[in-house]
Amino acid sequence: VQLQASGGGLVQAGESLRLRCVVSGSIASNNSMAWYRQAPGTQRDMVAGISVGGRTKYTDSVKGRFIISRDDAKNTMYLQMNSLKPEDTAVYYCNTDLYTTTTLAWGQGTQVTVSS
């Protein structure tokens, strides 16, 4: 199983990005999935999660700005990031929800850089 995150880039504060995660195989459709991020010198933390049934959860710092969604027919998960802030700068990763199941091998992630 491979996790391929894409869609990152360099944007200015206030702008938007949409991240995409393609999961090889059908693992995504049977598990809660999540987006994580890791800034330099920090640990990797969950940003948003989505259950098989579509229930979502977000860390407080992104509530109201980020939207997680999934398309199981395409084995794809998305993260719409609006009103980006410099503190959102990090490498973003996708994986299964570590609070509900064992995570898969981590992919390379996608870099998001927000300038002020």
N, C-alpha and C. Protein backbone atom coordinates (compact mmCIF):
# COMPACT_ATOMS: atom_id res chain seq x y z
N VAL A 1 0.86 -1.19 0.00
CA VAL A 1 0.00 0.00 0.00
C VAL A 1 0.89 1.23 0.00
N GLN A 2 0.55 2.17 -0.87
CA GLN A 2 1.30 3.41 -0.94
C GLN A 2 0.39 4.60 -0.70
N LEU A 3 0.95 5.62 -0.08
CA LEU A 3 0.23 6.86 0.19
C LEU A 3 0.94 7.97 -0.58
N GLN A 4 0.23 8.64 -1.44
CA GLN A 4 0.83 9.69 -2.25
C GLN A 4 0.10 11.00 -2.02
N ALA A 5 0.74 11.89 -1.28
CA ALA A 5 0.16 13.21 -1.03
C ALA A 5 0.71 14.21 -2.04
N SER A 6 -0.13 15.11 -2.48
CA SER A 6 0.28 16.14 -3.44
C SER A 6 -0.56 17.39 -3.24
N GLY A 7 -0.17 18.44 -3.95
CA GLY A 7 -0.95 19.67 -3.92
C GLY A 7 -0.36 20.80 -3.10
N GLY A 8 0.75 20.53 -2.44
CA GLY A 8 1.38 21.58 -1.65
C GLY A 8 2.01 22.64 -2.53
N GLY A 9 2.52 23.68 -1.89
CA GLY A 9 3.16 24.75 -2.63
C GLY A 9 3.46 25.93 -1.75
N LEU A 10 3.89 27.00 -2.39
CA LEU A 10 4.19 28.25 -1.69
C LEU A 10 3.06 29.25 -1.96
N VAL A 11 2.43 29.70 -0.89
CA VAL A 11 1.34 30.66 -1.03
C VAL A 11 1.52 31.78 -0.01
N GLN A 12 0.76 32.84 -0.20
CA GLN A 12 0.77 33.94 0.77
C GLN A 12 -0.32 33.72 1.81
N ALA A 13 -0.14 34.34 2.93
CA ALA A 13 -1.14 34.24 3.99
C ALA A 13 -2.50 34.68 3.46
N GLY A 14 -3.51 33.93 3.83
CA GLY A 14 -4.86 34.23 3.38
C GLY A 14 -5.30 33.45 2.16
N GLU A 15 -4.35 32.87 1.48
CA GLU A 15 -4.69 32.11 0.27
C GLU A 15 -5.08 30.67 0.62
N SER A 16 -5.41 29.90 -0.42
CA SER A 16 -5.91 28.53 -0.23
C SER A 16 -5.07 27.52 -1.01
N LEU A 17 -5.11 26.30 -0.53
CA LEU A 17 -4.53 25.16 -1.23
C LEU A 17 -5.43 23.96 -1.03
N ARG A 18 -5.39 23.03 -1.97
CA ARG A 18 -6.12 21.78 -1.82
C ARG A 18 -5.16 20.62 -1.95
N LEU A 19 -5.01 19.89 -0.90
CA LEU A 19 -4.14 18.73 -0.90
C LEU A 19 -4.91 17.50 -1.33
N ARG A 20 -4.20 16.58 -1.94
CA ARG A 20 -4.81 15.35 -2.43
C ARG A 20 -3.98 14.17 -1.97
N CYS A 21 -4.65 13.12 -1.57
CA CYS A 21 -3.95 11.90 -1.14
C CYS A 21 -4.56 10.73 -1.87
N VAL A 22 -3.75 10.04 -2.63
CA VAL A 22 -4.19 8.84 -3.32
C VAL A 22 -3.61 7.63 -2.59
N VAL A 23 -4.47 6.71 -2.28
CA VAL A 23 -4.06 5.50 -1.56
C VAL A 23 -4.18 4.31 -2.49
N SER A 24 -3.11 3.62 -2.72
CA SER A 24 -3.16 2.44 -3.56
C SER A 24 -3.90 1.33 -2.83
N GLY A 25 -4.65 0.54 -3.56
CA GLY A 25 -5.42 -0.51 -2.92
C GLY A 25 -6.70 0.04 -2.32
N SER A 26 -7.40 -0.76 -1.59
CA SER A 26 -8.70 -0.38 -1.04
C SER A 26 -8.65 -0.09 0.45
N ILE A 27 -7.45 0.09 0.98
CA ILE A 27 -7.32 0.27 2.42
C ILE A 27 -8.07 1.51 2.90
N ALA A 28 -8.08 2.56 2.10
CA ALA A 28 -8.69 3.81 2.53
C ALA A 28 -10.18 3.64 2.75
N SER A 29 -10.85 2.90 1.88
CA SER A 29 -12.30 2.79 1.97
C SER A 29 -12.76 2.03 3.19
N ASN A 30 -11.86 1.31 3.84
CA ASN A 30 -12.22 0.50 5.00
C ASN A 30 -11.72 1.06 6.32
N ASN A 31 -11.12 2.25 6.27
CA ASN A 31 -10.51 2.82 7.47
C ASN A 31 -10.77 4.30 7.59
N SER A 32 -10.76 4.76 8.83
CA SER A 32 -10.72 6.20 9.06
C SER A 32 -9.37 6.70 8.59
N MET A 33 -9.38 7.84 7.94
CA MET A 33 -8.17 8.41 7.37
C MET A 33 -7.91 9.78 8.00
N ALA A 34 -6.70 10.26 7.83
CA ALA A 34 -6.35 11.53 8.45
C ALA A 34 -5.23 12.23 7.71
N TRP A 35 -5.17 13.52 7.89
CA TRP A 35 -4.04 14.33 7.45
C TRP A 35 -3.23 14.71 8.69
N TYR A 36 -1.93 14.71 8.49
CA TYR A 36 -1.00 15.08 9.54
C TYR A 36 -0.06 16.14 9.00
N ARG A 37 0.62 16.84 9.89
CA ARG A 37 1.65 17.77 9.43
C ARG A 37 2.80 17.80 10.42
N GLN A 38 3.95 18.14 9.87
CA GLN A 38 5.16 18.21 10.69
C GLN A 38 5.98 19.40 10.25
N ALA A 39 6.14 20.35 11.15
CA ALA A 39 7.00 21.49 10.91
C ALA A 39 8.41 21.15 11.39
N PRO A 40 9.42 21.84 10.88
CA PRO A 40 10.80 21.55 11.29
C PRO A 40 10.97 21.62 12.80
N GLY A 41 11.60 20.60 13.36
CA GLY A 41 11.86 20.59 14.78
C GLY A 41 10.68 20.22 15.66
N THR A 42 9.60 19.80 15.04
CA THR A 42 8.42 19.43 15.83
C THR A 42 8.00 18.00 15.51
N GLN A 43 7.10 17.48 16.29
CA GLN A 43 6.59 16.14 16.02
C GLN A 43 5.47 16.22 14.99
N ARG A 44 5.17 15.11 14.40
CA ARG A 44 4.08 15.03 13.42
C ARG A 44 2.76 14.92 14.18
N ASP A 45 1.85 15.80 13.87
CA ASP A 45 0.56 15.85 14.56
C ASP A 45 -0.59 15.71 13.58
N MET A 46 -1.68 15.16 14.06
CA MET A 46 -2.87 15.05 13.22
C MET A 46 -3.51 16.43 13.08
N VAL A 47 -3.93 16.72 11.86
CA VAL A 47 -4.60 17.98 11.57
C VAL A 47 -6.09 17.77 11.43
N ALA A 48 -6.47 16.71 10.72
CA ALA A 48 -7.88 16.44 10.47
C ALA A 48 -8.05 14.95 10.22
N GLY A 49 -9.24 14.45 10.57
CA GLY A 49 -9.54 13.05 10.34
C GLY A 49 -10.94 12.89 9.81
N ILE A 50 -11.16 11.77 9.12
CA ILE A 50 -12.48 11.50 8.58
C ILE A 50 -12.75 10.01 8.67
N SER A 51 -13.91 9.66 9.19
CA SER A 51 -14.27 8.26 9.36
C SER A 51 -14.80 7.67 8.05
N VAL A 52 -15.00 6.38 8.05
CA VAL A 52 -15.58 5.72 6.89
C VAL A 52 -16.95 6.32 6.58
N GLY A 53 -17.69 6.67 7.58
CA GLY A 53 -19.01 7.25 7.40
C GLY A 53 -19.02 8.74 7.11
N GLY A 54 -17.85 9.35 7.10
CA GLY A 54 -17.75 10.76 6.76
C GLY A 54 -17.71 11.72 7.94
N ARG A 55 -17.67 11.19 9.16
CA ARG A 55 -17.58 12.06 10.32
C ARG A 55 -16.19 12.67 10.35
N THR A 56 -16.12 13.96 10.59
CA THR A 56 -14.83 14.66 10.55
C THR A 56 -14.43 15.21 11.91
N LYS A 57 -13.15 15.41 12.06
CA LYS A 57 -12.61 16.03 13.27
C LYS A 57 -11.40 16.86 12.87
N TYR A 58 -11.16 17.92 13.64
CA TYR A 58 -10.07 18.83 13.32
C TYR A 58 -9.36 19.27 14.59
N THR A 59 -8.08 19.52 14.45
CA THR A 59 -7.39 20.14 15.55
C THR A 59 -7.86 21.58 15.66
N ASP A 60 -7.83 22.14 16.84
CA ASP A 60 -8.43 23.45 17.07
C ASP A 60 -7.88 24.55 16.16
N SER A 61 -6.59 24.48 15.87
CA SER A 61 -5.97 25.56 15.12
C SER A 61 -6.44 25.66 13.67
N VAL A 62 -7.10 24.63 13.17
CA VAL A 62 -7.54 24.66 11.77
C VAL A 62 -9.06 24.63 11.63
N LYS A 63 -9.76 24.52 12.73
CA LYS A 63 -11.22 24.49 12.67
C LYS A 63 -11.75 25.75 12.00
N GLY A 64 -12.69 25.54 11.09
CA GLY A 64 -13.27 26.67 10.38
C GLY A 64 -12.47 27.10 9.16
N ARG A 65 -11.26 26.57 8.99
CA ARG A 65 -10.43 26.94 7.85
C ARG A 65 -10.15 25.76 6.94
N PHE A 66 -10.00 24.57 7.49
CA PHE A 66 -9.68 23.38 6.71
C PHE A 66 -10.90 22.48 6.61
N ILE A 67 -11.00 21.80 5.48
CA ILE A 67 -12.09 20.84 5.27
C ILE A 67 -11.50 19.55 4.72
N ILE A 68 -11.74 18.45 5.43
CA ILE A 68 -11.29 17.15 4.97
C ILE A 68 -12.45 16.43 4.29
N SER A 69 -12.14 15.70 3.23
CA SER A 69 -13.17 14.95 2.53
C SER A 69 -12.53 13.71 1.91
N ARG A 70 -13.38 12.80 1.48
CA ARG A 70 -12.87 11.56 0.90
C ARG A 70 -13.76 11.12 -0.25
N ASP A 71 -13.16 10.46 -1.22
CA ASP A 71 -13.87 9.86 -2.35
C ASP A 71 -13.38 8.43 -2.44
N ASP A 72 -14.09 7.53 -1.79
CA ASP A 72 -13.64 6.15 -1.72
C ASP A 72 -13.65 5.45 -3.08
N ALA A 73 -14.49 5.90 -3.96
CA ALA A 73 -14.53 5.30 -5.30
C ALA A 73 -13.21 5.55 -6.03
N LYS A 74 -12.52 6.62 -5.64
CA LYS A 74 -11.25 6.96 -6.26
C LYS A 74 -10.07 6.71 -5.33
N ASN A 75 -10.35 6.11 -4.17
CA ASN A 75 -9.29 5.88 -3.16
C ASN A 75 -8.52 7.17 -2.89
N THR A 76 -9.24 8.24 -2.77
CA THR A 76 -8.63 9.56 -2.65
C THR A 76 -9.23 10.33 -1.47
N MET A 77 -8.36 11.09 -0.83
CA MET A 77 -8.77 11.95 0.27
C MET A 77 -8.25 13.36 -0.02
N TYR A 78 -8.97 14.35 0.45
CA TYR A 78 -8.59 15.73 0.18
C TYR A 78 -8.51 16.54 1.47
N LEU A 79 -7.76 17.62 1.39
CA LEU A 79 -7.75 18.60 2.47
C LEU A 79 -7.79 19.98 1.83
N GLN A 80 -8.94 20.63 1.94
CA GLN A 80 -9.08 22.00 1.47
C GLN A 80 -8.62 22.93 2.57
N MET A 81 -7.61 23.71 2.29
CA MET A 81 -7.04 24.60 3.29
C MET A 81 -7.28 26.04 2.87
N ASN A 82 -8.07 26.74 3.65
CA ASN A 82 -8.41 28.13 3.37
C ASN A 82 -7.80 29.04 4.43
N SER A 83 -7.72 30.32 4.09
CA SER A 83 -7.21 31.32 5.03
C SER A 83 -5.90 30.85 5.67
N LEU A 84 -4.99 30.42 4.84
CA LEU A 84 -3.75 29.86 5.35
C LEU A 84 -2.94 30.91 6.11
N LYS A 85 -2.25 30.42 7.13
CA LYS A 85 -1.42 31.27 7.98
C LYS A 85 0.03 30.77 7.94
N PRO A 86 0.97 31.63 8.23
CA PRO A 86 2.38 31.17 8.24
C PRO A 86 2.60 29.98 9.17
N GLU A 87 1.85 29.89 10.24
CA GLU A 87 2.02 28.76 11.16
C GLU A 87 1.49 27.44 10.61
N ASP A 88 0.85 27.49 9.46
CA ASP A 88 0.43 26.25 8.78
C ASP A 88 1.57 25.64 7.97
N THR A 89 2.66 26.35 7.87
CA THR A 89 3.80 25.86 7.12
C THR A 89 4.32 24.55 7.72
N ALA A 90 4.39 23.52 6.89
CA ALA A 90 4.80 22.20 7.34
C ALA A 90 4.80 21.24 6.16
N VAL A 91 5.31 20.05 6.39
CA VAL A 91 5.12 18.96 5.43
C VAL A 91 3.84 18.24 5.86
N TYR A 92 2.94 18.06 4.91
CA TYR A 92 1.66 17.43 5.19
C TYR A 92 1.68 15.99 4.69
N TYR A 93 1.20 15.10 5.52
CA TYR A 93 1.16 13.67 5.22
C TYR A 93 -0.28 13.15 5.36
N CYS A 94 -0.56 12.10 4.63
CA CYS A 94 -1.83 11.42 4.82
C CYS A 94 -1.55 9.99 5.29
N ASN A 95 -2.50 9.46 6.02
CA ASN A 95 -2.36 8.10 6.52
C ASN A 95 -3.69 7.69 7.14
N THR A 96 -3.74 6.49 7.66
CA THR A 96 -4.91 6.08 8.42
C THR A 96 -4.92 6.86 9.74
N ASP A 97 -6.06 6.88 10.38
CA ASP A 97 -6.21 7.59 11.65
C ASP A 97 -5.53 6.77 12.76
N LEU A 98 -4.48 7.32 13.31
CA LEU A 98 -3.70 6.55 14.28
C LEU A 98 -4.47 6.26 15.56
N TYR A 99 -5.57 6.95 15.79
CA TYR A 99 -6.36 6.72 16.99
C TYR A 99 -7.36 5.59 16.81
N THR A 100 -7.48 5.07 15.59
CA THR A 100 -8.44 4.01 15.33
C THR A 100 -7.80 2.75 14.76
N THR A 101 -6.62 2.89 14.18
CA THR A 101 -5.98 1.72 13.59
C THR A 101 -4.48 1.97 13.45
N THR A 102 -3.77 0.94 13.10
CA THR A 102 -2.34 1.07 12.89
C THR A 102 -2.07 1.86 11.61
N THR A 103 -1.15 2.78 11.69
CA THR A 103 -0.84 3.56 10.50
C THR A 103 -0.02 2.73 9.51
N LEU A 104 -0.09 3.14 8.27
CA LEU A 104 0.67 2.51 7.20
C LEU A 104 2.05 3.15 7.13
N ALA A 105 2.89 2.62 6.27
CA ALA A 105 4.19 3.24 6.05
C ALA A 105 3.98 4.66 5.53
N TRP A 106 4.71 5.61 6.10
CA TRP A 106 4.51 7.00 5.72
C TRP A 106 5.08 7.29 4.34
N GLY A 107 4.34 8.08 3.57
CA GLY A 107 4.83 8.53 2.28
C GLY A 107 5.72 9.76 2.45
N GLN A 108 6.06 10.40 1.34
CA GLN A 108 6.97 11.54 1.39
C GLN A 108 6.31 12.81 1.88
N GLY A 109 5.03 12.90 1.78
CA GLY A 109 4.35 14.12 2.17
C GLY A 109 4.45 15.20 1.12
N THR A 110 3.78 16.30 1.37
CA THR A 110 3.83 17.43 0.45
C THR A 110 4.06 18.71 1.25
N GLN A 111 5.00 19.53 0.77
CA GLN A 111 5.40 20.73 1.50
C GLN A 111 4.40 21.86 1.27
N VAL A 112 3.96 22.46 2.35
CA VAL A 112 3.13 23.65 2.30
C VAL A 112 3.90 24.77 2.99
N THR A 113 4.10 25.85 2.28
CA THR A 113 4.80 27.01 2.82
C THR A 113 3.92 28.24 2.66
N VAL A 114 3.67 28.91 3.76
CA VAL A 114 2.81 30.09 3.75
C VAL A 114 3.65 31.29 4.18
N SER A 115 3.76 32.24 3.28
CA SER A 115 4.54 33.44 3.58
C SER A 115 3.63 34.53 4.14
N SER A 116 4.21 35.37 4.98
CA SER A 116 3.42 36.44 5.60
C SER A 116 3.42 37.69 4.76
